[in-house]
Amino acid sequence: MTTILITGGAGNIGSALAAQLSQTEAFRIVIVDNLSTGHRYKLPEDTNIIFITADVNNYEQIAPVFQQFNFDYVFHFAAVVGVKRTLADPIGVLKDIEGIKHILDLSSNSGVKRVFYSSSSEVYGEPFEIPQNENTTPLNSRLPYAIVKNVGEAFFKTYQKEYGLDYTIFRFFNTYGPQQSTDFVIPKFLKSALENKPIQIYGDGLQTRSFCYIADTVATCVKTLHDDYKNTVLNVGNDKEMSILGLAKKIIAFTGSASEIIHLPALEEGDMRRRCPDVTKMKNILKRELTTLDEGLQHMVKFYLSQSNPRL
């Protein structure tokens, strides 16, 4: 049996990854999460999933997990996330460096074959080029969250050189899905639109993003278990760039909502003007078209309406 650890496994991406991996009977999935932002309800009740409440930043909590299980692979997705949350708690963000070191030390000392790291598009900072390419775009991040992700990438590459611990680094670009909290833009806008409430936008709304549906993100993560994707950095996102204002208008039209758009003062920092990845590598991995925004919104609305008490 292949045993896989997912830290931060009760979050948006981690829980969806666990659900996908658990469909393989030969996989045993161990999920570690401190539940600071994750939720148990996101996890399937499959018999090959084991949940443990623990904080990876606390060595005394995470070390026994490695002693109890013989992990083949580790997906390290535990982190403080969300622009407003990370700006409000920069010290908490910096503490995530300890979790990275703990995971790498424990993995390198216990025979883990490869560790997969959840980095972020934020490492690029304000873009020097669009689309942003893994190999050519400079990393000019300044905010604590982005710096920690950048430092994490350096740790993973260094552990491979020094100890032979293989890695795969995912730079995630705005993954969205039904289980995502309203701390993030698409669920927040959709909830407001479905309730005909005002949609609030920071600044002029002309800042751009590209949005990747959770199924595409997870499928990419699963496929990289093949050895072909060892010791590489991979953009995981969608290459269809659009403005936040355009997103709000699209969601209002898509849902037939009576919501109005309200412009709030621009965020003082952390709201990059443009963001769009080069996903050539990702498309070569998936060998299919990416989910369109219309398709993703349709999946989410269907999910929300199917819940008697939807957790929007």
C-alpha atoms as a PDB file:
ATOM      1  CA  MET A   1       0.000   0.000   0.000  1.00  0.00           C
ATOM      2  CA  THR A   2       1.181   3.533  -0.823  1.00  0.00           C
ATOM      3  CA  THR A   3       0.861   5.912   2.129  1.00  0.00           C
ATOM      4  CA  ILE A   4       0.492   9.620   1.370  1.00  0.00           C
ATOM      5  CA  LEU A   5       0.520  12.533   3.805  1.00  0.00           C
ATOM      6  CA  ILE A   6      -1.364  15.746   2.994  1.00  0.00           C
ATOM      7  CA  THR A   7      -0.699  18.633   5.362  1.00  0.00           C
ATOM      8  CA  GLY A   8      -3.388  21.290   5.275  1.00  0.00           C
ATOM      9  CA  GLY A   9      -5.604  18.526   3.949  1.00  0.00           C
ATOM     10  CA  ALA A  10      -8.838  20.034   5.286  1.00  0.00           C
ATOM     11  CA  GLY A  11      -8.437  23.107   3.088  1.00  0.00           C
ATOM     12  CA  ASN A  12      -9.791  23.787  -0.383  1.00  0.00           C
ATOM     13  CA  ILE A  13      -7.089  22.126  -2.489  1.00  0.00           C
ATOM     14  CA  GLY A  14      -5.939  19.589   0.097  1.00  0.00           C
ATOM     15  CA  SER A  15      -9.407  18.148   0.692  1.00  0.00           C
ATOM     16  CA  ALA A  16     -10.135  17.871  -3.034  1.00  0.00           C
ATOM     17  CA  LEU A  17      -6.783  16.157  -3.550  1.00  0.00           C
ATOM     18  CA  ALA A  18      -7.549  13.737  -0.713  1.00  0.00           C
ATOM     19  CA  ALA A  19     -10.926  12.909  -2.250  1.00  0.00           C
ATOM     20  CA  GLN A  20      -9.309  12.173  -5.607  1.00  0.00           C
ATOM     21  CA  LEU A  21      -6.426  10.106  -4.242  1.00  0.00           C
ATOM     22  CA  SER A  22      -8.719   8.093  -1.952  1.00  0.00           C
ATOM     23  CA  GLN A  23     -10.461   6.672  -5.016  1.00  0.00           C
ATOM     24  CA  THR A  24      -7.385   4.500  -5.522  1.00  0.00           C
ATOM     25  CA  GLU A  25      -7.781   1.593  -3.096  1.00  0.00           C
ATOM     26  CA  ALA A  26      -4.035   1.025  -2.968  1.00  0.00           C
ATOM     27  CA  PHE A  27      -3.552   4.493  -1.470  1.00  0.00           C
ATOM     28  CA  ARG A  28      -3.808   5.281   2.235  1.00  0.00           C
ATOM     29  CA  ILE A  29      -4.260   9.008   2.805  1.00  0.00           C
ATOM     30  CA  VAL A  30      -3.220  10.623   6.085  1.00  0.00           C
ATOM     31  CA  ILE A  31      -4.448  14.188   6.529  1.00  0.00           C
ATOM     32  CA  VAL A  32      -2.904  16.579   9.029  1.00  0.00           C
ATOM     33  CA  ASP A  33      -4.551  19.948   9.676  1.00  0.00           C
ATOM     34  CA  ASN A  34      -4.736  22.286  12.663  1.00  0.00           C
ATOM     35  CA  LEU A  35      -8.230  23.387  11.513  1.00  0.00           C
ATOM     36  CA  SER A  36      -7.381  27.079  11.834  1.00  0.00           C
ATOM     37  CA  THR A  37      -9.029  27.625   8.447  1.00  0.00           C
ATOM     38  CA  GLY A  38      -9.714  24.062   7.251  1.00  0.00           C
ATOM     39  CA  HIS A  39     -12.854  22.081   8.055  1.00  0.00           C
ATOM     40  CA  ARG A  40     -13.533  18.394   8.638  1.00  0.00           C
ATOM     41  CA  TYR A  41     -16.787  18.536   6.621  1.00  0.00           C
ATOM     42  CA  LYS A  42     -14.746  18.977   3.438  1.00  0.00           C
ATOM     43  CA  LEU A  43     -13.260  15.500   3.780  1.00  0.00           C
ATOM     44  CA  PRO A  44     -14.888  12.378   2.351  1.00  0.00           C
ATOM     45  CA  GLU A  45     -15.701   9.487   4.671  1.00  0.00           C
ATOM     46  CA  ASP A  46     -13.600   6.976   2.739  1.00  0.00           C
ATOM     47  CA  THR A  47     -12.107   4.177   4.805  1.00  0.00           C
ATOM     48  CA  ASN A  48      -8.607   4.800   3.439  1.00  0.00           C
ATOM     49  CA  ILE A  49      -8.525   8.374   4.800  1.00  0.00           C
ATOM     50  CA  ILE A  50      -7.118   9.040   8.274  1.00  0.00           C
ATOM     51  CA  PHE A  51      -7.447  12.501   9.848  1.00  0.00           C
ATOM     52  CA  ILE A  52      -5.108  13.846  12.547  1.00  0.00           C
ATOM     53  CA  THR A  53      -5.421  17.260  14.180  1.00  0.00           C
ATOM     54  CA  ALA A  54      -1.902  18.669  14.388  1.00  0.00           C
ATOM     55  CA  ASP A  55       0.100  21.792  13.593  1.00  0.00           C
ATOM     56  CA  VAL A  56       3.072  21.213  11.277  1.00  0.00           C
ATOM     57  CA  ASN A  57       4.771  24.299  12.728  1.00  0.00           C
ATOM     58  CA  ASN A  58       4.946  22.459  16.067  1.00  0.00           C
ATOM     59  CA  TYR A  59       7.593  19.731  15.877  1.00  0.00           C
ATOM     60  CA  GLU A  60       6.203  17.926  18.927  1.00  0.00           C
ATOM     61  CA  GLN A  61       2.892  17.503  17.093  1.00  0.00           C
ATOM     62  CA  ILE A  62       4.088  16.539  13.614  1.00  0.00           C
ATOM     63  CA  ALA A  63       7.041  14.278  14.488  1.00  0.00           C
ATOM     64  CA  PRO A  64       4.833  11.506  16.005  1.00  0.00           C
ATOM     65  CA  VAL A  65       2.836  11.379  12.775  1.00  0.00           C
ATOM     66  CA  PHE A  66       5.994  10.447  10.862  1.00  0.00           C
ATOM     67  CA  GLN A  67       6.838   7.908  13.558  1.00  0.00           C
ATOM     68  CA  GLN A  68       3.417   6.286  13.248  1.00  0.00           C
ATOM     69  CA  PHE A  69       3.349   6.007   9.445  1.00  0.00           C
ATOM     70  CA  ASN A  70       5.853   5.113   6.763  1.00  0.00           C
ATOM     71  CA  PHE A  71       5.065   7.758   4.165  1.00  0.00           C
ATOM     72  CA  ASP A  72       5.874   7.279   0.502  1.00  0.00           C
ATOM     73  CA  TYR A  73       4.854  10.781  -0.570  1.00  0.00           C
ATOM     74  CA  VAL A  74       4.103  14.044   1.208  1.00  0.00           C
ATOM     75  CA  PHE A  75       2.002  16.943  -0.090  1.00  0.00           C
ATOM     76  CA  HIS A  76       2.866  19.955   2.054  1.00  0.00           C
ATOM     77  CA  PHE A  77      -0.093  22.301   1.610  1.00  0.00           C
ATOM     78  CA  ALA A  78      -0.433  23.634   5.193  1.00  0.00           C
ATOM     79  CA  ALA A  79      -0.052  27.426   5.285  1.00  0.00           C
ATOM     80  CA  VAL A  80      -1.692  30.672   6.294  1.00  0.00           C
ATOM     81  CA  VAL A  81      -3.552  31.770   3.136  1.00  0.00           C
ATOM     82  CA  GLY A  82      -5.680  34.663   1.889  1.00  0.00           C
ATOM     83  CA  VAL A  83      -4.459  38.203   1.160  1.00  0.00           C
ATOM     84  CA  LYS A  84      -6.264  39.937   4.041  1.00  0.00           C
ATOM     85  CA  ARG A  85      -5.466  37.154   6.515  1.00  0.00           C
ATOM     86  CA  THR A  86      -1.762  37.075   5.644  1.00  0.00           C
ATOM     87  CA  LEU A  87      -1.486  40.856   5.801  1.00  0.00           C
ATOM     88  CA  ALA A  88      -3.182  40.872   9.207  1.00  0.00           C
ATOM     89  CA  ASP A  89      -0.906  38.147  10.635  1.00  0.00           C
ATOM     90  CA  PRO A  90       2.589  38.459   9.106  1.00  0.00           C
ATOM     91  CA  ILE A  91       4.222  36.785  12.110  1.00  0.00           C
ATOM     92  CA  GLY A  92       1.929  33.782  11.678  1.00  0.00           C
ATOM     93  CA  VAL A  93       2.937  33.644   8.030  1.00  0.00           C
ATOM     94  CA  LEU A  94       6.637  33.682   8.898  1.00  0.00           C
ATOM     95  CA  LYS A  95       6.106  30.809  11.331  1.00  0.00           C
ATOM     96  CA  ASP A  96       5.224  28.646   8.325  1.00  0.00           C
ATOM     97  CA  ILE A  97       8.949  28.476   7.590  1.00  0.00           C
ATOM     98  CA  GLU A  98       9.263  26.227  10.651  1.00  0.00           C
ATOM     99  CA  GLY A  99       6.643  23.879   9.217  1.00  0.00           C
ATOM    100  CA  ILE A 100       8.544  23.679   5.935  1.00  0.00           C
ATOM    101  CA  LYS A 101      11.751  22.779   7.764  1.00  0.00           C
ATOM    102  CA  HIS A 102       9.958  20.179   9.915  1.00  0.00           C
ATOM    103  CA  ILE A 103       8.397  18.481   6.883  1.00  0.00           C
ATOM    104  CA  LEU A 104      11.683  18.405   4.978  1.00  0.00           C
ATOM    105  CA  ASP A 105      13.739  17.145   7.930  1.00  0.00           C
ATOM    106  CA  LEU A 106      11.240  14.428   8.802  1.00  0.00           C
ATOM    107  CA  SER A 107      10.788  13.403   5.165  1.00  0.00           C
ATOM    108  CA  SER A 108      14.498  13.223   4.398  1.00  0.00           C
ATOM    109  CA  ASN A 109      15.100  11.116   7.518  1.00  0.00           C
ATOM    110  CA  SER A 110      12.248   8.666   6.953  1.00  0.00           C
ATOM    111  CA  GLY A 111      12.644   7.516   3.356  1.00  0.00           C
ATOM    112  CA  VAL A 112       9.942   9.670   1.739  1.00  0.00           C
ATOM    113  CA  LYS A 113      10.294   9.366  -2.040  1.00  0.00           C
ATOM    114  CA  ARG A 114       9.160  12.882  -2.916  1.00  0.00           C
ATOM    115  CA  VAL A 115       7.633  15.957  -1.293  1.00  0.00           C
ATOM    116  CA  PHE A 116       5.144  18.178  -3.162  1.00  0.00           C
ATOM    117  CA  TYR A 117       5.079  21.827  -2.123  1.00  0.00           C
ATOM    118  CA  SER A 118       2.238  24.312  -2.364  1.00  0.00           C
ATOM    119  CA  SER A 119       3.916  27.514  -3.497  1.00  0.00           C
ATOM    120  CA  SER A 120       2.025  30.438  -5.008  1.00  0.00           C
ATOM    121  CA  SER A 121       1.767  32.809  -7.929  1.00  0.00           C
ATOM    122  CA  GLU A 122       2.545  35.497  -5.353  1.00  0.00           C
ATOM    123  CA  VAL A 123       6.268  34.666  -5.629  1.00  0.00           C
ATOM    124  CA  TYR A 124       6.260  36.562  -8.941  1.00  0.00           C
ATOM    125  CA  GLY A 125       5.199  39.824  -7.299  1.00  0.00           C
ATOM    126  CA  GLU A 126       4.314  42.545  -9.800  1.00  0.00           C
ATOM    127  CA  PRO A 127       4.781  40.909 -13.194  1.00  0.00           C
ATOM    128  CA  PHE A 128       7.714  41.697 -15.460  1.00  0.00           C
ATOM    129  CA  GLU A 129       6.092  39.660 -18.225  1.00  0.00           C
ATOM    130  CA  ILE A 130       2.725  38.161 -19.089  1.00  0.00           C
ATOM    131  CA  PRO A 131       2.180  35.245 -19.171  1.00  0.00           C
ATOM    132  CA  GLN A 132       4.388  34.443 -16.205  1.00  0.00           C
ATOM    133  CA  ASN A 133       6.771  31.609 -17.019  1.00  0.00           C
ATOM    134  CA  GLU A 134       8.359  29.326 -14.413  1.00  0.00           C
ATOM    135  CA  ASN A 135      11.821  29.637 -15.930  1.00  0.00           C
ATOM    136  CA  THR A 136      12.040  33.209 -17.186  1.00  0.00           C
ATOM    137  CA  THR A 137       9.884  35.460 -14.997  1.00  0.00           C
ATOM    138  CA  PRO A 138      11.876  37.094 -12.154  1.00  0.00           C
ATOM    139  CA  LEU A 139      10.621  36.521  -8.631  1.00  0.00           C
ATOM    140  CA  ASN A 140      10.244  39.979  -7.077  1.00  0.00           C
ATOM    141  CA  SER A 141       7.891  39.271  -4.179  1.00  0.00           C
ATOM    142  CA  ARG A 142       7.960  41.625  -1.190  1.00  0.00           C
ATOM    143  CA  LEU A 143       5.080  40.611   1.085  1.00  0.00           C
ATOM    144  CA  PRO A 144       5.714  38.129   3.949  1.00  0.00           C
ATOM    145  CA  TYR A 145       3.423  35.470   2.433  1.00  0.00           C
ATOM    146  CA  ALA A 146       5.194  35.574  -0.926  1.00  0.00           C
ATOM    147  CA  ILE A 147       8.638  35.707   0.662  1.00  0.00           C
ATOM    148  CA  VAL A 148       7.862  32.618   2.755  1.00  0.00           C
ATOM    149  CA  LYS A 149       6.763  30.744  -0.373  1.00  0.00           C
ATOM    150  CA  ASN A 150       9.959  31.801  -2.116  1.00  0.00           C
ATOM    151  CA  VAL A 151      12.060  30.727   0.868  1.00  0.00           C
ATOM    152  CA  GLY A 152      10.172  27.428   0.888  1.00  0.00           C
ATOM    153  CA  GLU A 153      11.063  26.801  -2.741  1.00  0.00           C
ATOM    154  CA  ALA A 154      14.724  27.420  -1.901  1.00  0.00           C
ATOM    155  CA  PHE A 155      14.547  24.935   0.978  1.00  0.00           C
ATOM    156  CA  PHE A 156      13.067  22.230  -1.258  1.00  0.00           C
ATOM    157  CA  LYS A 157      15.713  22.711  -3.936  1.00  0.00           C
ATOM    158  CA  THR A 158      18.498  22.723  -1.359  1.00  0.00           C
ATOM    159  CA  TYR A 159      17.303  19.542   0.367  1.00  0.00           C
ATOM    160  CA  GLN A 160      17.300  17.802  -3.004  1.00  0.00           C
ATOM    161  CA  LYS A 161      20.910  18.823  -3.638  1.00  0.00           C
ATOM    162  CA  GLU A 162      22.131  18.045  -0.129  1.00  0.00           C
ATOM    163  CA  TYR A 163      20.083  14.974   0.786  1.00  0.00           C
ATOM    164  CA  GLY A 164      18.604  13.687  -2.463  1.00  0.00           C
ATOM    165  CA  LEU A 165      15.012  14.362  -1.362  1.00  0.00           C
ATOM    166  CA  ASP A 166      13.035  14.821  -4.561  1.00  0.00           C
ATOM    167  CA  TYR A 167      10.403  17.527  -4.866  1.00  0.00           C
ATOM    168  CA  THR A 168       7.726  19.005  -7.093  1.00  0.00           C
ATOM    169  CA  ILE A 169       6.801  22.657  -6.572  1.00  0.00           C
ATOM    170  CA  PHE A 170       3.318  23.890  -7.515  1.00  0.00           C
ATOM    171  CA  ARG A 171       2.830  27.618  -8.037  1.00  0.00           C
ATOM    172  CA  PHE A 172      -0.944  27.826  -7.661  1.00  0.00           C
ATOM    173  CA  PHE A 173      -2.846  30.604  -9.434  1.00  0.00           C
ATOM    174  CA  ASN A 174      -6.286  31.351  -7.938  1.00  0.00           C
ATOM    175  CA  THR A 175      -7.784  27.893  -7.628  1.00  0.00           C
ATOM    176  CA  TYR A 176     -11.536  28.004  -6.973  1.00  0.00           C
ATOM    177  CA  GLY A 177     -14.157  25.377  -6.239  1.00  0.00           C
ATOM    178  CA  PRO A 178     -17.361  24.497  -4.362  1.00  0.00           C
ATOM    179  CA  GLN A 179     -15.648  23.859  -1.011  1.00  0.00           C
ATOM    180  CA  GLN A 180     -13.730  27.141  -1.001  1.00  0.00           C
ATOM    181  CA  SER A 181     -14.529  29.707   1.688  1.00  0.00           C
ATOM    182  CA  THR A 182     -15.849  33.179   0.989  1.00  0.00           C
ATOM    183  CA  ASP A 183     -12.469  34.630   1.932  1.00  0.00           C
ATOM    184  CA  PHE A 184     -11.756  34.195  -1.777  1.00  0.00           C
ATOM    185  CA  VAL A 185     -13.150  36.144  -4.680  1.00  0.00           C
ATOM    186  CA  ILE A 186     -15.274  33.723  -6.726  1.00  0.00           C
ATOM    187  CA  PRO A 187     -17.207  32.150  -3.805  1.00  0.00           C
ATOM    188  CA  LYS A 188     -17.622  35.605  -2.274  1.00  0.00           C
ATOM    189  CA  PHE A 189     -18.993  37.106  -5.499  1.00  0.00           C
ATOM    190  CA  LEU A 190     -21.211  34.075  -6.176  1.00  0.00           C
ATOM    191  CA  LYS A 191     -22.721  34.119  -2.698  1.00  0.00           C
ATOM    192  CA  SER A 192     -23.515  37.810  -2.995  1.00  0.00           C
ATOM    193  CA  ALA A 193     -24.993  37.367  -6.477  1.00  0.00           C
ATOM    194  CA  LEU A 194     -27.184  34.417  -5.487  1.00  0.00           C
ATOM    195  CA  GLU A 195     -28.546  36.476  -2.594  1.00  0.00           C
ATOM    196  CA  ASN A 196     -28.884  39.651  -4.707  1.00  0.00           C
ATOM    197  CA  LYS A 197     -26.537  41.462  -2.348  1.00  0.00           C
ATOM    198  CA  PRO A 198     -23.974  44.085  -3.421  1.00  0.00           C
ATOM    199  CA  ILE A 199     -20.692  42.772  -4.830  1.00  0.00           C
ATOM    200  CA  GLN A 200     -17.771  44.642  -3.308  1.00  0.00           C
ATOM    201  CA  ILE A 201     -14.598  45.291  -5.300  1.00  0.00           C
ATOM    202  CA  TYR A 202     -11.384  46.818  -4.027  1.00  0.00           C
ATOM    203  CA  GLY A 203     -10.241  49.762  -6.126  1.00  0.00           C
ATOM    204  CA  ASP A 204     -11.196  50.186  -9.780  1.00  0.00           C
ATOM    205  CA  GLY A 205     -11.468  46.421 -10.365  1.00  0.00           C
ATOM    206  CA  LEU A 206      -9.147  46.538 -13.351  1.00  0.00           C
ATOM    207  CA  GLN A 207      -6.585  44.314 -11.638  1.00  0.00           C
ATOM    208  CA  THR A 208      -6.514  40.994 -13.493  1.00  0.00           C
ATOM    209  CA  ARG A 209      -6.444  37.376 -12.403  1.00  0.00           C
ATOM    210  CA  SER A 210      -6.870  33.976 -14.032  1.00  0.00           C
ATOM    211  CA  PHE A 211      -9.035  31.372 -12.323  1.00  0.00           C
ATOM    212  CA  CYS A 212      -8.366  27.632 -12.262  1.00  0.00           C
ATOM    213  CA  TYR A 213     -11.144  25.203 -11.414  1.00  0.00           C
ATOM    214  CA  ILE A 214     -10.314  22.793  -8.604  1.00  0.00           C
ATOM    215  CA  ALA A 215     -10.672  19.688 -10.793  1.00  0.00           C
ATOM    216  CA  ASP A 216      -7.887  20.913 -13.075  1.00  0.00           C
ATOM    217  CA  THR A 217      -5.646  21.744 -10.125  1.00  0.00           C
ATOM    218  CA  VAL A 218      -6.137  18.356  -8.495  1.00  0.00           C
ATOM    219  CA  ALA A 219      -5.770  16.391 -11.731  1.00  0.00           C
ATOM    220  CA  THR A 220      -2.424  18.104 -12.303  1.00  0.00           C
ATOM    221  CA  CYS A 221      -1.227  17.312  -8.772  1.00  0.00           C
ATOM    222  CA  VAL A 222      -2.194  13.642  -9.117  1.00  0.00           C
ATOM    223  CA  LYS A 223      -0.554  13.211 -12.512  1.00  0.00           C
ATOM    224  CA  THR A 224       2.740  14.618 -11.221  1.00  0.00           C
ATOM    225  CA  LEU A 225       3.137  11.535  -9.047  1.00  0.00           C
ATOM    226  CA  HIS A 226       4.835  10.115 -12.155  1.00  0.00           C
ATOM    227  CA  ASP A 227       8.631  10.368 -12.042  1.00  0.00           C
ATOM    228  CA  ASP A 228       8.659  12.607 -15.127  1.00  0.00           C
ATOM    229  CA  TYR A 229       7.816  15.582 -12.914  1.00  0.00           C
ATOM    230  CA  LYS A 230      10.473  15.228 -10.239  1.00  0.00           C
ATOM    231  CA  ASN A 231      12.516  18.275  -9.214  1.00  0.00           C
ATOM    232  CA  THR A 232      10.559  20.773 -11.247  1.00  0.00           C
ATOM    233  CA  VAL A 233       8.549  23.944 -10.715  1.00  0.00           C
ATOM    234  CA  LEU A 234       5.076  24.008 -12.203  1.00  0.00           C
ATOM    235  CA  ASN A 235       2.556  26.788 -12.718  1.00  0.00           C
ATOM    236  CA  VAL A 236      -0.918  25.440 -11.926  1.00  0.00           C
ATOM    237  CA  GLY A 237      -3.620  27.764 -13.159  1.00  0.00           C
ATOM    238  CA  ASN A 238      -5.608  28.926 -16.152  1.00  0.00           C
ATOM    239  CA  ASP A 239      -4.272  31.186 -18.890  1.00  0.00           C
ATOM    240  CA  LYS A 240      -7.518  33.110 -19.459  1.00  0.00           C
ATOM    241  CA  GLU A 241      -6.869  36.531 -17.918  1.00  0.00           C
ATOM    242  CA  MET A 242      -9.727  38.766 -16.842  1.00  0.00           C
ATOM    243  CA  SER A 243     -10.312  41.779 -14.623  1.00  0.00           C
ATOM    244  CA  ILE A 244     -11.995  41.540 -11.231  1.00  0.00           C
ATOM    245  CA  LEU A 245     -14.617  43.989 -12.468  1.00  0.00           C
ATOM    246  CA  GLY A 246     -15.199  41.775 -15.501  1.00  0.00           C
ATOM    247  CA  LEU A 247     -15.554  38.765 -13.174  1.00  0.00           C
ATOM    248  CA  ALA A 248     -18.187  40.549 -11.088  1.00  0.00           C
ATOM    249  CA  LYS A 249     -20.182  41.508 -14.177  1.00  0.00           C
ATOM    250  CA  LYS A 250     -19.918  37.962 -15.528  1.00  0.00           C
ATOM    251  CA  ILE A 251     -21.176  36.422 -12.290  1.00  0.00           C
ATOM    252  CA  ILE A 252     -24.099  38.861 -12.114  1.00  0.00           C
ATOM    253  CA  ALA A 253     -25.092  37.981 -15.680  1.00  0.00           C
ATOM    254  CA  PHE A 254     -24.478  34.258 -15.142  1.00  0.00           C
ATOM    255  CA  THR A 255     -26.754  34.093 -12.106  1.00  0.00           C
ATOM    256  CA  GLY A 256     -29.335  36.586 -13.345  1.00  0.00           C
ATOM    257  CA  SER A 257     -28.670  38.556 -10.188  1.00  0.00           C
ATOM    258  CA  ALA A 258     -29.905  42.023  -9.243  1.00  0.00           C
ATOM    259  CA  SER A 259     -26.671  42.701  -7.349  1.00  0.00           C
ATOM    260  CA  GLU A 260     -25.007  46.076  -7.750  1.00  0.00           C
ATOM    261  CA  ILE A 261     -21.241  46.551  -7.835  1.00  0.00           C
ATOM    262  CA  ILE A 262     -19.734  48.695  -5.086  1.00  0.00           C
ATOM    263  CA  HIS A 263     -16.149  49.946  -5.253  1.00  0.00           C
ATOM    264  CA  LEU A 264     -14.263  50.005  -1.955  1.00  0.00           C
ATOM    265  CA  PRO A 265     -10.933  51.787  -1.401  1.00  0.00           C
ATOM    266  CA  ALA A 266      -8.047  49.916  -2.970  1.00  0.00           C
ATOM    267  CA  LEU A 267      -5.999  47.677  -0.691  1.00  0.00           C
ATOM    268  CA  GLU A 268      -2.803  49.392   0.428  1.00  0.00           C
ATOM    269  CA  GLU A 269      -0.708  46.368  -0.547  1.00  0.00           C
ATOM    270  CA  GLY A 270      -1.012  42.787  -1.775  1.00  0.00           C
ATOM    271  CA  ASP A 271      -3.412  43.367  -4.683  1.00  0.00           C
ATOM    272  CA  MET A 272      -1.148  42.879  -7.722  1.00  0.00           C
ATOM    273  CA  ARG A 273      -2.304  44.594 -10.905  1.00  0.00           C
ATOM    274  CA  ARG A 274      -1.902  41.591 -13.214  1.00  0.00           C
ATOM    275  CA  ARG A 275      -1.628  37.848 -12.809  1.00  0.00           C
ATOM    276  CA  CYS A 276      -1.653  35.250 -15.595  1.00  0.00           C
ATOM    277  CA  PRO A 277       0.477  32.102 -15.888  1.00  0.00           C
ATOM    278  CA  ASP A 278       2.188  30.319 -18.722  1.00  0.00           C
ATOM    279  CA  VAL A 279       0.585  26.874 -18.300  1.00  0.00           C
ATOM    280  CA  THR A 280       2.327  25.081 -21.150  1.00  0.00           C
ATOM    281  CA  LYS A 281       3.741  22.460 -18.761  1.00  0.00           C
ATOM    282  CA  MET A 282       0.381  21.952 -17.077  1.00  0.00           C
ATOM    283  CA  LYS A 283      -1.425  21.430 -20.378  1.00  0.00           C
ATOM    284  CA  ASN A 284       1.204  18.901 -21.437  1.00  0.00           C
ATOM    285  CA  ILE A 285       0.530  17.006 -18.203  1.00  0.00           C
ATOM    286  CA  LEU A 286      -3.264  17.035 -18.497  1.00  0.00           C
ATOM    287  CA  LYS A 287      -3.409  16.502 -22.258  1.00  0.00           C
ATOM    288  CA  ARG A 288      -6.859  18.094 -22.373  1.00  0.00           C
ATOM    289  CA  GLU A 289      -8.517  21.476 -22.404  1.00  0.00           C
ATOM    290  CA  LEU A 290      -8.842  23.348 -19.120  1.00  0.00           C
ATOM    291  CA  THR A 291     -12.224  23.931 -17.502  1.00  0.00           C
ATOM    292  CA  THR A 292     -13.747  27.199 -18.688  1.00  0.00           C
ATOM    293  CA  LEU A 293     -14.941  29.759 -16.173  1.00  0.00           C
ATOM    294  CA  ASP A 294     -18.537  29.225 -17.331  1.00  0.00           C
ATOM    295  CA  GLU A 295     -18.219  25.489 -16.665  1.00  0.00           C
ATOM    296  CA  GLY A 296     -16.641  26.088 -13.263  1.00  0.00           C
ATOM    297  CA  LEU A 297     -19.340  28.556 -12.228  1.00  0.00           C
ATOM    298  CA  GLN A 298     -22.002  26.101 -13.354  1.00  0.00           C
ATOM    299  CA  HIS A 299     -20.469  23.366 -11.159  1.00  0.00           C
ATOM    300  CA  MET A 300     -20.352  25.703  -8.173  1.00  0.00           C
ATOM    301  CA  VAL A 301     -23.899  27.013  -8.498  1.00  0.00           C
ATOM    302  CA  LYS A 302     -25.198  23.451  -8.895  1.00  0.00           C
ATOM    303  CA  PHE A 303     -23.320  22.420  -5.759  1.00  0.00           C
ATOM    304  CA  TYR A 304     -24.562  25.399  -3.741  1.00  0.00           C
ATOM    305  CA  LEU A 305     -28.172  24.857  -4.740  1.00  0.00           C
ATOM    306  CA  SER A 306     -27.958  21.151  -3.923  1.00  0.00           C
ATOM    307  CA  GLN A 307     -27.085  21.883  -0.297  1.00  0.00           C
ATOM    308  CA  SER A 308     -29.987  22.264   2.106  1.00  0.00           C
ATOM    309  CA  ASN A 309     -27.728  24.406   4.288  1.00  0.00           C
ATOM    310  CA  PRO A 310     -24.982  25.467   1.885  1.00  0.00           C
ATOM    311  CA  ARG A 311     -21.673  26.457   3.437  1.00  0.00           C
ATOM    312  CA  LEU A 312     -20.998  29.368   1.127  1.00  0.00           C
END
